[in-house]
């Protein structure tokens, strides 16, 4: 499942790589109110698209995508009971490496997270370090990649989540909820590439919003299922 907003430039290559993964049964793109051709390109690639009417943030898009991917039956149980892979839209061909996250899953490790190569980020690591220290204080575990959006989860891990944290706090909230449920995500180092925000005014503004969303997630703000 891929979350995207105005990712028409990078999305086709990412979807092409994901479609090459073995045993892929469905491909869902959650479009967070894009103004470009993101939704059209996703459908052209063969993906099922769920579009938010306006930009509501990554957490809302992630929630909508997961609900679409799983879909509840008349009894309230989930119809789709397979591992779920989460990916950002800007990975391009490197998304093919995410198969390792699925291969890492088992009963002892029902959740896995991709770790990017050292130096792959565009900032100073302030939000990542804040998240890591806060999680360590709360749970005793300091993940290397608390912000990574590249994740794989078995149904038992998904069922442990009370919802998704809003905005860019989605991943930290997910990690916190899993750790509180006794599930420590297995971190897997992968040679992934993505569009770094960089040390620009726009990049710093993005990380400021991300930091505020992370604080909301750490304080328990969730979009319930």
N, C-alpha and C. Protein backbone atom coordinates (compact mmCIF):
# COMPACT_ATOMS: atom_id res chain seq x y z
N UNK A 1 0.84 -1.17 0.00
CA UNK A 1 0.00 0.00 0.00
C UNK A 1 0.89 1.24 0.00
N UNK A 2 0.61 2.17 -0.91
CA UNK A 2 1.44 3.35 -1.10
C UNK A 2 0.63 4.60 -0.78
N UNK A 3 1.21 5.51 0.01
CA UNK A 3 0.60 6.81 0.23
C UNK A 3 1.29 7.83 -0.67
N UNK A 4 0.50 8.75 -1.22
CA UNK A 4 1.07 9.69 -2.18
C UNK A 4 0.30 11.00 -2.19
N UNK A 5 1.04 12.09 -2.36
CA UNK A 5 0.44 13.40 -2.62
C UNK A 5 1.32 14.12 -3.65
N UNK A 6 0.74 14.39 -4.80
CA UNK A 6 1.46 15.09 -5.88
C UNK A 6 2.79 14.40 -6.21
N UNK A 7 2.72 13.07 -6.38
CA UNK A 7 3.92 12.28 -6.65
C UNK A 7 3.93 11.72 -8.07
N UNK A 8 3.31 12.44 -9.00
CA UNK A 8 3.24 11.96 -10.36
C UNK A 8 4.60 11.71 -11.00
N UNK A 9 5.61 12.44 -10.55
CA UNK A 9 6.95 12.30 -11.14
C UNK A 9 7.63 11.01 -10.72
N UNK A 10 7.41 10.59 -9.47
CA UNK A 10 8.14 9.43 -8.94
C UNK A 10 7.29 8.17 -8.83
N UNK A 11 5.97 8.33 -8.76
CA UNK A 11 5.09 7.20 -8.48
C UNK A 11 5.17 6.07 -9.50
N UNK A 12 5.16 6.33 -10.82
CA UNK A 12 5.17 5.22 -11.77
C UNK A 12 6.34 4.25 -11.58
N UNK A 13 7.53 4.77 -11.34
CA UNK A 13 8.68 3.88 -11.16
C UNK A 13 8.55 3.08 -9.86
N UNK A 14 8.00 3.72 -8.82
CA UNK A 14 7.79 3.01 -7.56
C UNK A 14 6.79 1.88 -7.73
N UNK A 15 5.67 2.16 -8.38
CA UNK A 15 4.66 1.12 -8.59
C UNK A 15 5.18 0.01 -9.48
N UNK A 16 5.95 0.35 -10.50
CA UNK A 16 6.52 -0.66 -11.37
C UNK A 16 7.40 -1.63 -10.58
N UNK A 17 8.19 -1.08 -9.66
CA UNK A 17 9.05 -1.93 -8.83
C UNK A 17 8.22 -2.81 -7.90
N UNK A 18 7.18 -2.24 -7.31
CA UNK A 18 6.34 -3.02 -6.40
C UNK A 18 5.58 -4.12 -7.12
N UNK A 19 5.14 -3.83 -8.33
CA UNK A 19 4.40 -4.85 -9.11
C UNK A 19 5.28 -6.03 -9.47
N UNK A 20 6.59 -5.85 -9.40
CA UNK A 20 7.52 -6.95 -9.67
C UNK A 20 7.78 -7.84 -8.47
N UNK A 21 7.23 -7.48 -7.30
CA UNK A 21 7.44 -8.31 -6.11
C UNK A 21 6.66 -9.62 -6.23
N UNK A 22 7.23 -10.72 -5.77
CA UNK A 22 6.52 -12.01 -5.86
C UNK A 22 5.32 -12.05 -4.93
N UNK A 23 4.27 -12.72 -5.36
CA UNK A 23 3.08 -12.98 -4.54
C UNK A 23 2.33 -11.71 -4.13
N UNK A 24 2.48 -10.64 -4.89
CA UNK A 24 1.72 -9.43 -4.61
C UNK A 24 0.28 -9.64 -5.05
N UNK A 25 -0.67 -9.54 -4.12
CA UNK A 25 -2.06 -9.84 -4.46
C UNK A 25 -2.86 -8.59 -4.79
N UNK A 26 -2.52 -7.46 -4.16
CA UNK A 26 -3.23 -6.21 -4.42
C UNK A 26 -2.25 -5.06 -4.29
N UNK A 27 -2.52 -3.99 -5.00
CA UNK A 27 -1.71 -2.78 -4.89
C UNK A 27 -2.67 -1.61 -4.72
N UNK A 28 -2.63 -0.97 -3.58
CA UNK A 28 -3.52 0.14 -3.25
C UNK A 28 -2.69 1.41 -3.13
N UNK A 29 -3.16 2.48 -3.75
CA UNK A 29 -2.54 3.79 -3.62
C UNK A 29 -3.53 4.71 -2.91
N UNK A 30 -3.11 5.27 -1.78
CA UNK A 30 -3.93 6.24 -1.06
C UNK A 30 -3.48 7.63 -1.47
N UNK A 31 -4.32 8.31 -2.24
CA UNK A 31 -4.00 9.62 -2.79
C UNK A 31 -4.52 10.71 -1.85
N UNK A 32 -3.58 11.45 -1.27
CA UNK A 32 -3.93 12.47 -0.29
C UNK A 32 -4.26 13.80 -0.98
N UNK A 33 -5.36 13.81 -1.73
CA UNK A 33 -5.84 15.04 -2.35
C UNK A 33 -4.88 15.66 -3.35
N UNK A 34 -4.22 14.83 -4.16
CA UNK A 34 -3.24 15.35 -5.12
C UNK A 34 -3.89 16.25 -6.16
N UNK A 35 -3.11 17.26 -6.60
CA UNK A 35 -3.57 18.16 -7.66
C UNK A 35 -2.94 17.80 -9.00
N UNK A 36 -2.02 16.86 -9.00
CA UNK A 36 -1.39 16.46 -10.25
C UNK A 36 -2.03 15.15 -10.73
N UNK A 37 -1.32 14.40 -11.54
CA UNK A 37 -1.87 13.19 -12.15
C UNK A 37 -1.60 11.94 -11.33
N UNK A 38 -1.34 12.10 -10.04
CA UNK A 38 -1.01 10.94 -9.20
C UNK A 38 -2.06 9.84 -9.32
N UNK A 39 -3.33 10.16 -9.13
CA UNK A 39 -4.38 9.14 -9.16
C UNK A 39 -4.50 8.50 -10.54
N UNK A 40 -4.43 9.30 -11.59
CA UNK A 40 -4.53 8.77 -12.95
C UNK A 40 -3.39 7.82 -13.27
N UNK A 41 -2.19 8.20 -12.88
CA UNK A 41 -1.02 7.35 -13.13
C UNK A 41 -1.09 6.07 -12.32
N UNK A 42 -1.60 6.14 -11.10
CA UNK A 42 -1.73 4.94 -10.28
C UNK A 42 -2.70 3.95 -10.91
N UNK A 43 -3.83 4.46 -11.39
CA UNK A 43 -4.81 3.57 -12.03
C UNK A 43 -4.24 2.98 -13.32
N UNK A 44 -3.50 3.78 -14.08
CA UNK A 44 -2.90 3.30 -15.32
C UNK A 44 -1.91 2.17 -15.05
N UNK A 45 -1.28 2.21 -13.87
CA UNK A 45 -0.32 1.16 -13.51
C UNK A 45 -1.01 -0.10 -13.00
N UNK A 46 -2.31 -0.03 -12.80
CA UNK A 46 -3.06 -1.19 -12.32
C UNK A 46 -3.35 -1.17 -10.83
N UNK A 47 -3.10 -0.05 -10.17
CA UNK A 47 -3.34 0.04 -8.74
C UNK A 47 -4.79 0.40 -8.46
N UNK A 48 -5.28 -0.01 -7.32
CA UNK A 48 -6.58 0.41 -6.81
C UNK A 48 -6.35 1.72 -6.06
N UNK A 49 -7.12 2.74 -6.35
CA UNK A 49 -6.87 4.07 -5.79
C UNK A 49 -8.00 4.47 -4.85
N UNK A 50 -7.63 4.93 -3.66
CA UNK A 50 -8.57 5.57 -2.77
C UNK A 50 -8.11 7.01 -2.63
N UNK A 51 -8.97 7.96 -2.99
CA UNK A 51 -8.59 9.37 -3.02
C UNK A 51 -9.30 10.15 -1.93
N UNK A 52 -8.54 10.88 -1.13
CA UNK A 52 -9.13 11.79 -0.17
C UNK A 52 -9.58 13.05 -0.91
N UNK A 53 -10.70 13.64 -0.52
CA UNK A 53 -11.24 14.79 -1.27
C UNK A 53 -10.35 16.02 -1.23
N UNK A 54 -9.51 16.12 -0.19
CA UNK A 54 -8.58 17.23 -0.05
C UNK A 54 -7.40 16.73 0.76
N UNK A 55 -6.27 17.44 0.72
CA UNK A 55 -5.12 16.98 1.51
C UNK A 55 -5.42 16.97 3.00
N UNK A 56 -5.39 15.79 3.60
CA UNK A 56 -5.68 15.64 5.03
C UNK A 56 -4.46 15.18 5.82
N UNK A 57 -3.35 14.95 5.14
CA UNK A 57 -2.14 14.53 5.83
C UNK A 57 -1.85 13.05 5.63
N UNK A 58 -0.59 12.70 5.85
CA UNK A 58 -0.17 11.32 5.59
C UNK A 58 -0.91 10.33 6.47
N UNK A 59 -1.12 10.67 7.74
CA UNK A 59 -1.81 9.74 8.62
C UNK A 59 -3.20 9.39 8.13
N UNK A 60 -3.96 10.38 7.68
CA UNK A 60 -5.30 10.14 7.17
C UNK A 60 -5.26 9.29 5.91
N UNK A 61 -4.28 9.57 5.03
CA UNK A 61 -4.15 8.78 3.81
C UNK A 61 -3.77 7.34 4.14
N UNK A 62 -2.86 7.18 5.08
CA UNK A 62 -2.43 5.84 5.48
C UNK A 62 -3.59 5.05 6.07
N UNK A 63 -4.37 5.70 6.90
CA UNK A 63 -5.54 5.04 7.48
C UNK A 63 -6.52 4.60 6.40
N UNK A 64 -6.81 5.51 5.46
CA UNK A 64 -7.75 5.18 4.38
C UNK A 64 -7.23 4.03 3.53
N UNK A 65 -5.94 4.05 3.25
CA UNK A 65 -5.36 2.99 2.43
C UNK A 65 -5.39 1.64 3.11
N UNK A 66 -5.06 1.62 4.41
CA UNK A 66 -5.08 0.35 5.14
C UNK A 66 -6.49 -0.21 5.22
N UNK A 67 -7.46 0.65 5.52
CA UNK A 67 -8.85 0.19 5.58
C UNK A 67 -9.31 -0.36 4.24
N UNK A 68 -8.90 0.30 3.16
CA UNK A 68 -9.26 -0.18 1.82
C UNK A 68 -8.59 -1.51 1.53
N UNK A 69 -7.33 -1.63 1.92
CA UNK A 69 -6.59 -2.87 1.65
C UNK A 69 -7.17 -4.05 2.42
N UNK A 70 -7.65 -3.80 3.63
CA UNK A 70 -8.13 -4.91 4.44
C UNK A 70 -9.63 -5.17 4.24
N UNK A 71 -10.44 -4.15 4.24
CA UNK A 71 -11.90 -4.23 4.03
C UNK A 71 -12.58 -5.20 4.99
N UNK A 72 -13.47 -4.67 5.78
CA UNK A 72 -14.22 -5.49 6.72
C UNK A 72 -15.40 -6.17 6.02
N UNK A 73 -15.69 -7.40 6.44
CA UNK A 73 -16.85 -8.11 5.94
C UNK A 73 -18.08 -7.79 6.78
N UNK A 74 -19.24 -8.40 6.45
CA UNK A 74 -20.48 -8.12 7.18
C UNK A 74 -20.37 -8.40 8.67
N UNK A 75 -19.53 -9.36 9.05
CA UNK A 75 -19.40 -9.72 10.47
C UNK A 75 -18.46 -8.79 11.21
N UNK A 76 -17.79 -7.89 10.48
CA UNK A 76 -16.82 -7.00 11.11
C UNK A 76 -15.40 -7.50 11.04
N UNK A 77 -15.21 -8.74 10.59
CA UNK A 77 -13.86 -9.29 10.46
C UNK A 77 -13.23 -8.79 9.17
N UNK A 78 -11.91 -8.82 9.12
CA UNK A 78 -11.20 -8.35 7.94
C UNK A 78 -11.19 -9.43 6.87
N UNK A 79 -11.48 -9.02 5.63
CA UNK A 79 -11.50 -9.96 4.52
C UNK A 79 -10.09 -10.26 4.02
N UNK A 80 -9.21 -9.27 4.11
CA UNK A 80 -7.84 -9.44 3.62
C UNK A 80 -6.96 -9.74 4.82
N UNK A 81 -6.48 -10.97 4.91
CA UNK A 81 -5.75 -11.41 6.09
C UNK A 81 -4.34 -11.84 5.72
N UNK A 82 -3.68 -11.02 4.91
CA UNK A 82 -2.33 -11.30 4.46
C UNK A 82 -1.37 -10.23 4.98
N UNK A 83 -0.06 -10.45 4.89
CA UNK A 83 0.89 -9.39 5.27
C UNK A 83 0.64 -8.13 4.44
N UNK A 84 0.82 -7.00 5.08
CA UNK A 84 0.61 -5.72 4.41
C UNK A 84 1.94 -4.98 4.34
N UNK A 85 2.29 -4.54 3.14
CA UNK A 85 3.51 -3.77 2.92
C UNK A 85 3.14 -2.31 2.73
N UNK A 86 3.79 -1.43 3.48
CA UNK A 86 3.56 0.01 3.37
C UNK A 86 4.79 0.65 2.73
N UNK A 87 4.56 1.57 1.79
CA UNK A 87 5.69 2.18 1.09
C UNK A 87 5.37 3.63 0.75
N UNK A 88 6.39 4.46 0.75
CA UNK A 88 6.25 5.82 0.27
C UNK A 88 6.33 5.85 -1.25
N UNK A 89 5.82 6.91 -1.85
CA UNK A 89 5.68 6.96 -3.30
C UNK A 89 6.96 7.33 -4.03
N UNK A 90 7.96 7.83 -3.31
CA UNK A 90 9.14 8.39 -3.98
C UNK A 90 10.35 7.47 -3.99
N UNK A 91 10.15 6.17 -3.77
CA UNK A 91 11.28 5.24 -3.72
C UNK A 91 11.82 4.89 -5.09
N UNK A 92 11.00 5.00 -6.12
CA UNK A 92 11.44 4.64 -7.46
C UNK A 92 11.82 3.17 -7.55
N UNK A 93 12.78 2.82 -8.40
CA UNK A 93 13.16 1.42 -8.58
C UNK A 93 13.64 0.75 -7.30
N UNK A 94 14.13 1.53 -6.33
CA UNK A 94 14.64 0.91 -5.10
C UNK A 94 13.54 0.24 -4.28
N UNK A 95 12.27 0.50 -4.61
CA UNK A 95 11.16 -0.15 -3.90
C UNK A 95 11.20 -1.66 -4.05
N UNK A 96 11.90 -2.16 -5.05
CA UNK A 96 12.02 -3.60 -5.23
C UNK A 96 12.68 -4.27 -4.03
N UNK A 97 13.51 -3.53 -3.30
CA UNK A 97 14.21 -4.09 -2.14
C UNK A 97 13.27 -4.34 -0.97
N UNK A 98 12.06 -3.82 -1.02
CA UNK A 98 11.14 -3.98 0.10
C UNK A 98 10.67 -5.41 0.28
N UNK A 99 10.93 -6.25 -0.69
CA UNK A 99 10.59 -7.67 -0.53
C UNK A 99 11.25 -8.24 0.70
N UNK A 100 12.42 -7.69 1.09
CA UNK A 100 13.12 -8.19 2.27
C UNK A 100 12.32 -7.97 3.55
N UNK A 101 11.48 -6.92 3.58
CA UNK A 101 10.65 -6.69 4.76
C UNK A 101 9.61 -7.78 4.92
N UNK A 102 9.04 -8.23 3.80
CA UNK A 102 8.06 -9.31 3.85
C UNK A 102 8.72 -10.63 4.22
N UNK A 103 9.91 -10.85 3.70
CA UNK A 103 10.62 -12.09 3.99
C UNK A 103 11.05 -12.17 5.45
N UNK A 104 11.17 -11.02 6.11
CA UNK A 104 11.62 -11.00 7.51
C UNK A 104 10.50 -11.32 8.50
N UNK A 105 9.25 -11.31 8.03
CA UNK A 105 8.12 -11.51 8.92
C UNK A 105 7.96 -12.97 9.35
N UNK A 106 7.68 -13.17 10.62
CA UNK A 106 7.29 -14.48 11.14
C UNK A 106 6.56 -14.25 12.46
N UNK A 107 6.21 -15.31 13.14
CA UNK A 107 5.43 -15.16 14.37
C UNK A 107 6.20 -14.39 15.44
N UNK A 108 7.51 -14.51 15.45
CA UNK A 108 8.33 -13.79 16.42
C UNK A 108 8.57 -12.34 16.02
N UNK A 109 8.45 -12.07 14.73
CA UNK A 109 8.67 -10.71 14.21
C UNK A 109 7.50 -10.36 13.28
N UNK A 110 6.36 -9.99 13.84
CA UNK A 110 5.18 -9.68 13.01
C UNK A 110 5.20 -8.29 12.38
N UNK A 111 6.27 -7.53 12.62
CA UNK A 111 6.39 -6.20 12.01
C UNK A 111 7.86 -5.96 11.68
N UNK A 112 8.10 -5.36 10.52
CA UNK A 112 9.47 -5.03 10.11
C UNK A 112 9.49 -3.62 9.53
N UNK A 113 10.64 -2.97 9.66
CA UNK A 113 10.81 -1.58 9.23
C UNK A 113 12.12 -1.47 8.47
N UNK A 114 12.10 -0.72 7.36
CA UNK A 114 13.31 -0.53 6.58
C UNK A 114 14.15 0.60 7.15
N UNK A 115 15.43 0.35 7.26
CA UNK A 115 16.39 1.38 7.65
C UNK A 115 17.10 1.87 6.40
N UNK A 116 17.13 3.19 6.22
CA UNK A 116 17.80 3.77 5.06
C UNK A 116 19.31 3.79 5.26
N UNK A 117 20.07 3.88 4.17
CA UNK A 117 21.53 4.00 4.30
C UNK A 117 21.90 5.26 5.06
N UNK A 118 23.02 5.23 5.74
CA UNK A 118 23.50 6.39 6.49
C UNK A 118 23.66 7.59 5.54
N UNK A 119 23.16 8.73 5.98
CA UNK A 119 23.28 9.94 5.17
C UNK A 119 22.20 10.11 4.13
N UNK A 120 21.18 9.21 4.11
CA UNK A 120 20.14 9.30 3.09
C UNK A 120 19.16 10.44 3.36
N UNK A 121 19.09 10.90 4.62
CA UNK A 121 18.18 11.99 4.95
C UNK A 121 18.74 13.33 4.52
N UNK A 122 17.90 14.35 4.56
CA UNK A 122 18.34 15.65 4.09
C UNK A 122 18.57 16.68 5.17
N UNK A 123 18.27 16.34 6.43
CA UNK A 123 18.39 17.32 7.50
C UNK A 123 19.50 16.97 8.47
N UNK A 124 19.32 17.44 9.70
CA UNK A 124 20.32 17.21 10.74
C UNK A 124 19.94 16.06 11.67
N UNK A 125 18.81 15.42 11.42
CA UNK A 125 18.39 14.29 12.25
C UNK A 125 17.73 14.69 13.55
N UNK A 126 17.30 15.95 13.69
CA UNK A 126 16.74 16.41 14.95
C UNK A 126 15.42 15.71 15.29
N UNK A 127 14.53 15.60 14.29
CA UNK A 127 13.24 14.96 14.54
C UNK A 127 13.42 13.47 14.80
N UNK A 128 14.33 12.85 14.06
CA UNK A 128 14.59 11.42 14.26
C UNK A 128 15.13 11.18 15.67
N UNK A 129 16.07 12.00 16.10
CA UNK A 129 16.65 11.82 17.43
C UNK A 129 15.63 12.11 18.53
N UNK A 130 14.79 13.13 18.31
CA UNK A 130 13.72 13.40 19.27
C UNK A 130 12.82 12.18 19.41
N UNK A 131 12.44 11.61 18.29
CA UNK A 131 11.54 10.44 18.30
C UNK A 131 12.21 9.26 18.98
N UNK A 132 13.46 9.03 18.66
CA UNK A 132 14.18 7.90 19.23
C UNK A 132 14.29 8.01 20.75
N UNK A 133 14.65 9.21 21.23
CA UNK A 133 14.80 9.40 22.68
C UNK A 133 13.45 9.28 23.39
N UNK A 134 12.41 9.84 22.78
CA UNK A 134 11.09 9.78 23.41
C UNK A 134 10.58 8.34 23.49
N UNK A 135 10.79 7.57 22.43
CA UNK A 135 10.36 6.17 22.44
C UNK A 135 11.15 5.38 23.48
N UNK A 136 12.45 5.68 23.60
CA UNK A 136 13.27 4.98 24.57
C UNK A 136 12.79 5.26 25.99
N UNK A 137 12.41 6.51 26.26
CA UNK A 137 11.90 6.85 27.60
C UNK A 137 10.58 6.14 27.88
N UNK A 138 9.74 6.04 26.86
CA UNK A 138 8.42 5.45 27.07
C UNK A 138 8.46 3.93 27.12
N UNK A 139 9.31 3.31 26.30
CA UNK A 139 9.24 1.86 26.12
C UNK A 139 10.53 1.12 26.43
N UNK A 140 11.64 1.84 26.56
CA UNK A 140 12.93 1.18 26.75
C UNK A 140 13.58 0.76 25.46
N UNK A 141 12.95 1.02 24.33
CA UNK A 141 13.49 0.66 23.01
C UNK A 141 13.74 1.94 22.22
N UNK A 142 14.93 2.06 21.63
CA UNK A 142 15.28 3.24 20.83
C UNK A 142 15.50 2.79 19.38
N UNK A 143 14.46 2.80 18.55
CA UNK A 143 14.59 2.33 17.17
C UNK A 143 15.56 3.21 16.37
N UNK A 144 16.27 2.59 15.45
CA UNK A 144 17.15 3.34 14.58
C UNK A 144 16.35 4.21 13.62
N UNK A 145 15.20 3.68 13.14
CA UNK A 145 14.41 4.36 12.12
C UNK A 145 12.97 4.56 12.57
N UNK A 146 12.73 5.41 13.54
CA UNK A 146 11.35 5.61 14.00
C UNK A 146 10.46 6.32 12.99
N UNK A 147 11.07 6.99 11.97
CA UNK A 147 10.30 7.77 11.00
C UNK A 147 10.09 7.05 9.68
N UNK A 148 10.67 5.88 9.52
CA UNK A 148 10.60 5.20 8.23
C UNK A 148 9.17 4.80 7.88
N UNK A 149 8.76 5.14 6.66
CA UNK A 149 7.43 4.77 6.18
C UNK A 149 7.39 3.42 5.49
N UNK A 150 8.54 2.77 5.37
CA UNK A 150 8.61 1.49 4.68
C UNK A 150 8.49 0.38 5.72
N UNK A 151 7.34 -0.25 5.76
CA UNK A 151 7.04 -1.22 6.80
C UNK A 151 6.27 -2.41 6.26
N UNK A 152 6.39 -3.54 6.93
CA UNK A 152 5.59 -4.71 6.62
C UNK A 152 5.00 -5.22 7.93
N UNK A 153 3.73 -5.61 7.89
CA UNK A 153 3.05 -6.04 9.12
C UNK A 153 2.17 -7.24 8.85
N UNK A 154 2.25 -8.21 9.74
CA UNK A 154 1.30 -9.31 9.73
C UNK A 154 -0.02 -8.84 10.34
N UNK A 155 -1.13 -9.55 10.09
CA UNK A 155 -2.41 -9.12 10.64
C UNK A 155 -2.39 -8.92 12.15
N UNK A 156 -1.65 -9.76 12.89
CA UNK A 156 -1.62 -9.62 14.35
C UNK A 156 -1.01 -8.29 14.78
N UNK A 157 -0.06 -7.77 14.00
CA UNK A 157 0.52 -6.46 14.30
C UNK A 157 -0.45 -5.34 13.95
N UNK A 158 -1.13 -5.46 12.81
CA UNK A 158 -2.13 -4.47 12.43
C UNK A 158 -3.26 -4.41 13.45
N UNK A 159 -3.66 -5.57 13.95
CA UNK A 159 -4.75 -5.61 14.92
C UNK A 159 -4.38 -4.97 16.24
N UNK A 160 -3.08 -4.82 16.51
CA UNK A 160 -2.63 -4.20 17.76
C UNK A 160 -2.69 -2.68 17.71
N UNK A 161 -2.92 -2.13 16.52
CA UNK A 161 -2.94 -0.68 16.37
C UNK A 161 -4.33 -0.12 16.64
N UNK A 162 -4.45 0.89 17.52
CA UNK A 162 -5.77 1.48 17.79
C UNK A 162 -6.21 2.44 16.71
N UNK A 163 -5.32 2.79 15.82
CA UNK A 163 -5.58 3.73 14.74
C UNK A 163 -4.25 4.24 14.22
N UNK A 164 -4.28 5.35 13.52
CA UNK A 164 -3.08 5.93 12.93
C UNK A 164 -2.93 7.38 13.42
N UNK A 165 -1.73 7.74 13.81
CA UNK A 165 -1.49 9.12 14.24
C UNK A 165 -1.61 10.06 13.04
N UNK A 166 -2.12 11.26 13.24
CA UNK A 166 -2.31 12.19 12.12
C UNK A 166 -0.99 12.68 11.53
N UNK A 167 -1.07 13.11 10.28
CA UNK A 167 0.04 13.78 9.62
C UNK A 167 1.31 12.96 9.58
N UNK A 168 2.44 13.65 9.77
CA UNK A 168 3.74 13.00 9.69
C UNK A 168 4.12 12.28 10.98
N UNK A 169 3.19 12.22 11.93
CA UNK A 169 3.43 11.43 13.14
C UNK A 169 3.00 9.99 12.99
N UNK A 170 2.53 9.60 11.80
CA UNK A 170 1.96 8.27 11.60
C UNK A 170 2.93 7.16 11.97
N UNK A 171 4.18 7.28 11.51
CA UNK A 171 5.13 6.18 11.73
C UNK A 171 5.56 6.08 13.19
N UNK A 172 5.83 7.23 13.82
CA UNK A 172 6.20 7.20 15.24
C UNK A 172 5.06 6.67 16.08
N UNK A 173 3.84 7.09 15.77
CA UNK A 173 2.69 6.58 16.49
C UNK A 173 2.54 5.07 16.33
N UNK A 174 2.76 4.58 15.12
CA UNK A 174 2.67 3.15 14.87
C UNK A 174 3.73 2.39 15.66
N UNK A 175 4.96 2.91 15.65
CA UNK A 175 6.03 2.26 16.41
C UNK A 175 5.71 2.24 17.90
N UNK A 176 5.24 3.37 18.42
CA UNK A 176 4.89 3.43 19.84
C UNK A 176 3.79 2.44 20.19
N UNK A 177 2.76 2.37 19.38
CA UNK A 177 1.64 1.46 19.66
C UNK A 177 2.08 0.00 19.58
N UNK A 178 2.94 -0.32 18.64
CA UNK A 178 3.43 -1.70 18.54
C UNK A 178 4.28 -2.06 19.76
N UNK A 179 5.18 -1.15 20.15
CA UNK A 179 6.02 -1.42 21.31
C UNK A 179 5.19 -1.57 22.58
N UNK A 180 4.17 -0.74 22.72
CA UNK A 180 3.29 -0.84 23.89
C UNK A 180 2.50 -2.14 23.90
N UNK A 181 2.30 -2.73 22.71
CA UNK A 181 1.61 -4.01 22.60
C UNK A 181 2.57 -5.19 22.71
N UNK A 182 3.85 -4.90 22.98
CA UNK A 182 4.83 -5.97 23.12
C UNK A 182 5.43 -6.45 21.82
N UNK A 183 5.26 -5.66 20.75
CA UNK A 183 5.80 -6.04 19.43
C UNK A 183 6.91 -5.06 19.07
N UNK A 184 8.14 -5.54 19.00
CA UNK A 184 9.26 -4.70 18.60
C UNK A 184 9.54 -4.90 17.11
N UNK A 185 9.29 -3.89 16.29
CA UNK A 185 9.52 -4.04 14.85
C UNK A 185 10.99 -4.39 14.57
N UNK A 186 11.18 -5.35 13.69
CA UNK A 186 12.51 -5.75 13.27
C UNK A 186 13.00 -4.76 12.22
N UNK A 187 14.15 -4.13 12.45
CA UNK A 187 14.68 -3.15 11.51
C UNK A 187 15.64 -3.84 10.54
N UNK A 188 15.41 -3.60 9.26
CA UNK A 188 16.18 -4.23 8.20
C UNK A 188 16.84 -3.15 7.36
N UNK A 189 18.15 -3.15 7.29
CA UNK A 189 18.86 -2.15 6.49
C UNK A 189 18.74 -2.49 5.01
N UNK A 190 18.25 -1.53 4.23
CA UNK A 190 18.02 -1.75 2.79
C UNK A 190 18.60 -0.59 1.99
N UNK A 191 19.08 -0.85 0.78
CA UNK A 191 19.65 0.21 -0.07
C UNK A 191 18.58 1.01 -0.79
N UNK A 192 17.78 1.73 -0.03
CA UNK A 192 16.66 2.49 -0.59
C UNK A 192 17.09 3.90 -0.95
N UNK A 193 16.43 4.45 -1.93
CA UNK A 193 16.65 5.84 -2.33
C UNK A 193 15.32 6.56 -2.28
N UNK A 194 15.33 7.82 -1.87
CA UNK A 194 14.11 8.60 -1.86
C UNK A 194 14.47 10.07 -2.02
N UNK A 195 13.44 10.88 -2.20
CA UNK A 195 13.64 12.30 -2.38
C UNK A 195 13.82 12.97 -1.03
N UNK A 196 15.04 13.35 -0.72
CA UNK A 196 15.32 14.02 0.55
C UNK A 196 14.83 15.47 0.48
N UNK A 197 14.35 15.98 1.62
CA UNK A 197 13.82 17.34 1.64
C UNK A 197 14.92 18.39 1.60
N UNK A 198 16.12 18.03 2.04
CA UNK A 198 17.25 18.94 1.94
C UNK A 198 17.27 20.03 2.98
N UNK A 199 18.40 20.72 3.08
CA UNK A 199 18.57 21.80 4.06
C UNK A 199 18.22 23.13 3.42
N UNK A 200 16.98 23.23 3.03
CA UNK A 200 16.44 24.44 2.43
C UNK A 200 15.32 24.96 3.32
N UNK A 201 14.82 26.17 3.01
CA UNK A 201 13.72 26.72 3.79
C UNK A 201 12.52 25.79 3.75
N UNK A 202 12.24 25.27 2.56
CA UNK A 202 11.11 24.35 2.44
C UNK A 202 11.36 23.06 3.23
N UNK A 203 12.61 22.58 3.18
CA UNK A 203 12.94 21.38 3.92
C UNK A 203 12.81 21.57 5.42
N UNK A 204 13.28 22.71 5.94
CA UNK A 204 13.18 22.97 7.37
C UNK A 204 11.72 23.15 7.79
N UNK A 205 10.90 23.76 6.92
CA UNK A 205 9.48 23.92 7.23
C UNK A 205 8.81 22.55 7.31
N UNK A 206 9.18 21.65 6.40
CA UNK A 206 8.64 20.29 6.42
C UNK A 206 8.98 19.60 7.72
N UNK A 207 10.24 19.72 8.14
CA UNK A 207 10.66 19.03 9.36
C UNK A 207 10.04 19.66 10.61
N UNK A 208 9.75 20.95 10.56
CA UNK A 208 9.05 21.58 11.68
C UNK A 208 7.65 21.00 11.82
N UNK A 209 6.95 20.86 10.69
CA UNK A 209 5.61 20.24 10.73
C UNK A 209 5.71 18.80 11.19
N UNK A 210 6.72 18.11 10.70
CA UNK A 210 6.91 16.72 11.10
C UNK A 210 7.14 16.61 12.61
N UNK A 211 7.97 17.52 13.15
CA UNK A 211 8.24 17.49 14.58
C UNK A 211 6.99 17.72 15.41
N UNK A 212 6.14 18.65 15.00
CA UNK A 212 4.90 18.90 15.72
C UNK A 212 3.98 17.69 15.65
N UNK A 213 3.91 17.06 14.48
CA UNK A 213 3.06 15.87 14.34
C UNK A 213 3.60 14.72 15.19
N UNK A 214 4.91 14.59 15.27
CA UNK A 214 5.52 13.54 16.10
C UNK A 214 5.16 13.76 17.56
N UNK A 215 5.20 15.00 18.03
CA UNK A 215 4.83 15.28 19.41
C UNK A 215 3.37 14.91 19.67
N UNK A 216 2.50 15.20 18.70
CA UNK A 216 1.09 14.80 18.84
C UNK A 216 0.96 13.29 18.94
N UNK A 217 1.72 12.59 18.12
CA UNK A 217 1.68 11.12 18.13
C UNK A 217 2.17 10.56 19.46
N UNK A 218 3.23 11.15 19.99
CA UNK A 218 3.78 10.69 21.26
C UNK A 218 2.82 10.94 22.41
N UNK A 219 1.95 11.93 22.26
CA UNK A 219 0.95 12.23 23.28
C UNK A 219 -0.36 11.48 23.06
N UNK A 220 -0.37 10.56 22.09
CA UNK A 220 -1.51 9.67 21.93
C UNK A 220 -2.56 10.09 20.94
N UNK A 221 -2.33 11.12 20.15
CA UNK A 221 -3.31 11.56 19.16
C UNK A 221 -3.42 10.51 18.05
N UNK A 222 -4.63 9.98 17.84
CA UNK A 222 -4.83 8.93 16.84
C UNK A 222 -6.12 9.17 16.06
N UNK A 223 -6.11 8.75 14.81
CA UNK A 223 -7.32 8.67 13.99
C UNK A 223 -7.80 7.23 14.14
N UNK A 224 -8.85 6.98 14.90
CA UNK A 224 -9.26 5.59 15.16
C UNK A 224 -9.79 4.90 13.92
N UNK A 225 -9.73 3.60 13.93
CA UNK A 225 -10.26 2.85 12.79
C UNK A 225 -11.75 3.07 12.66
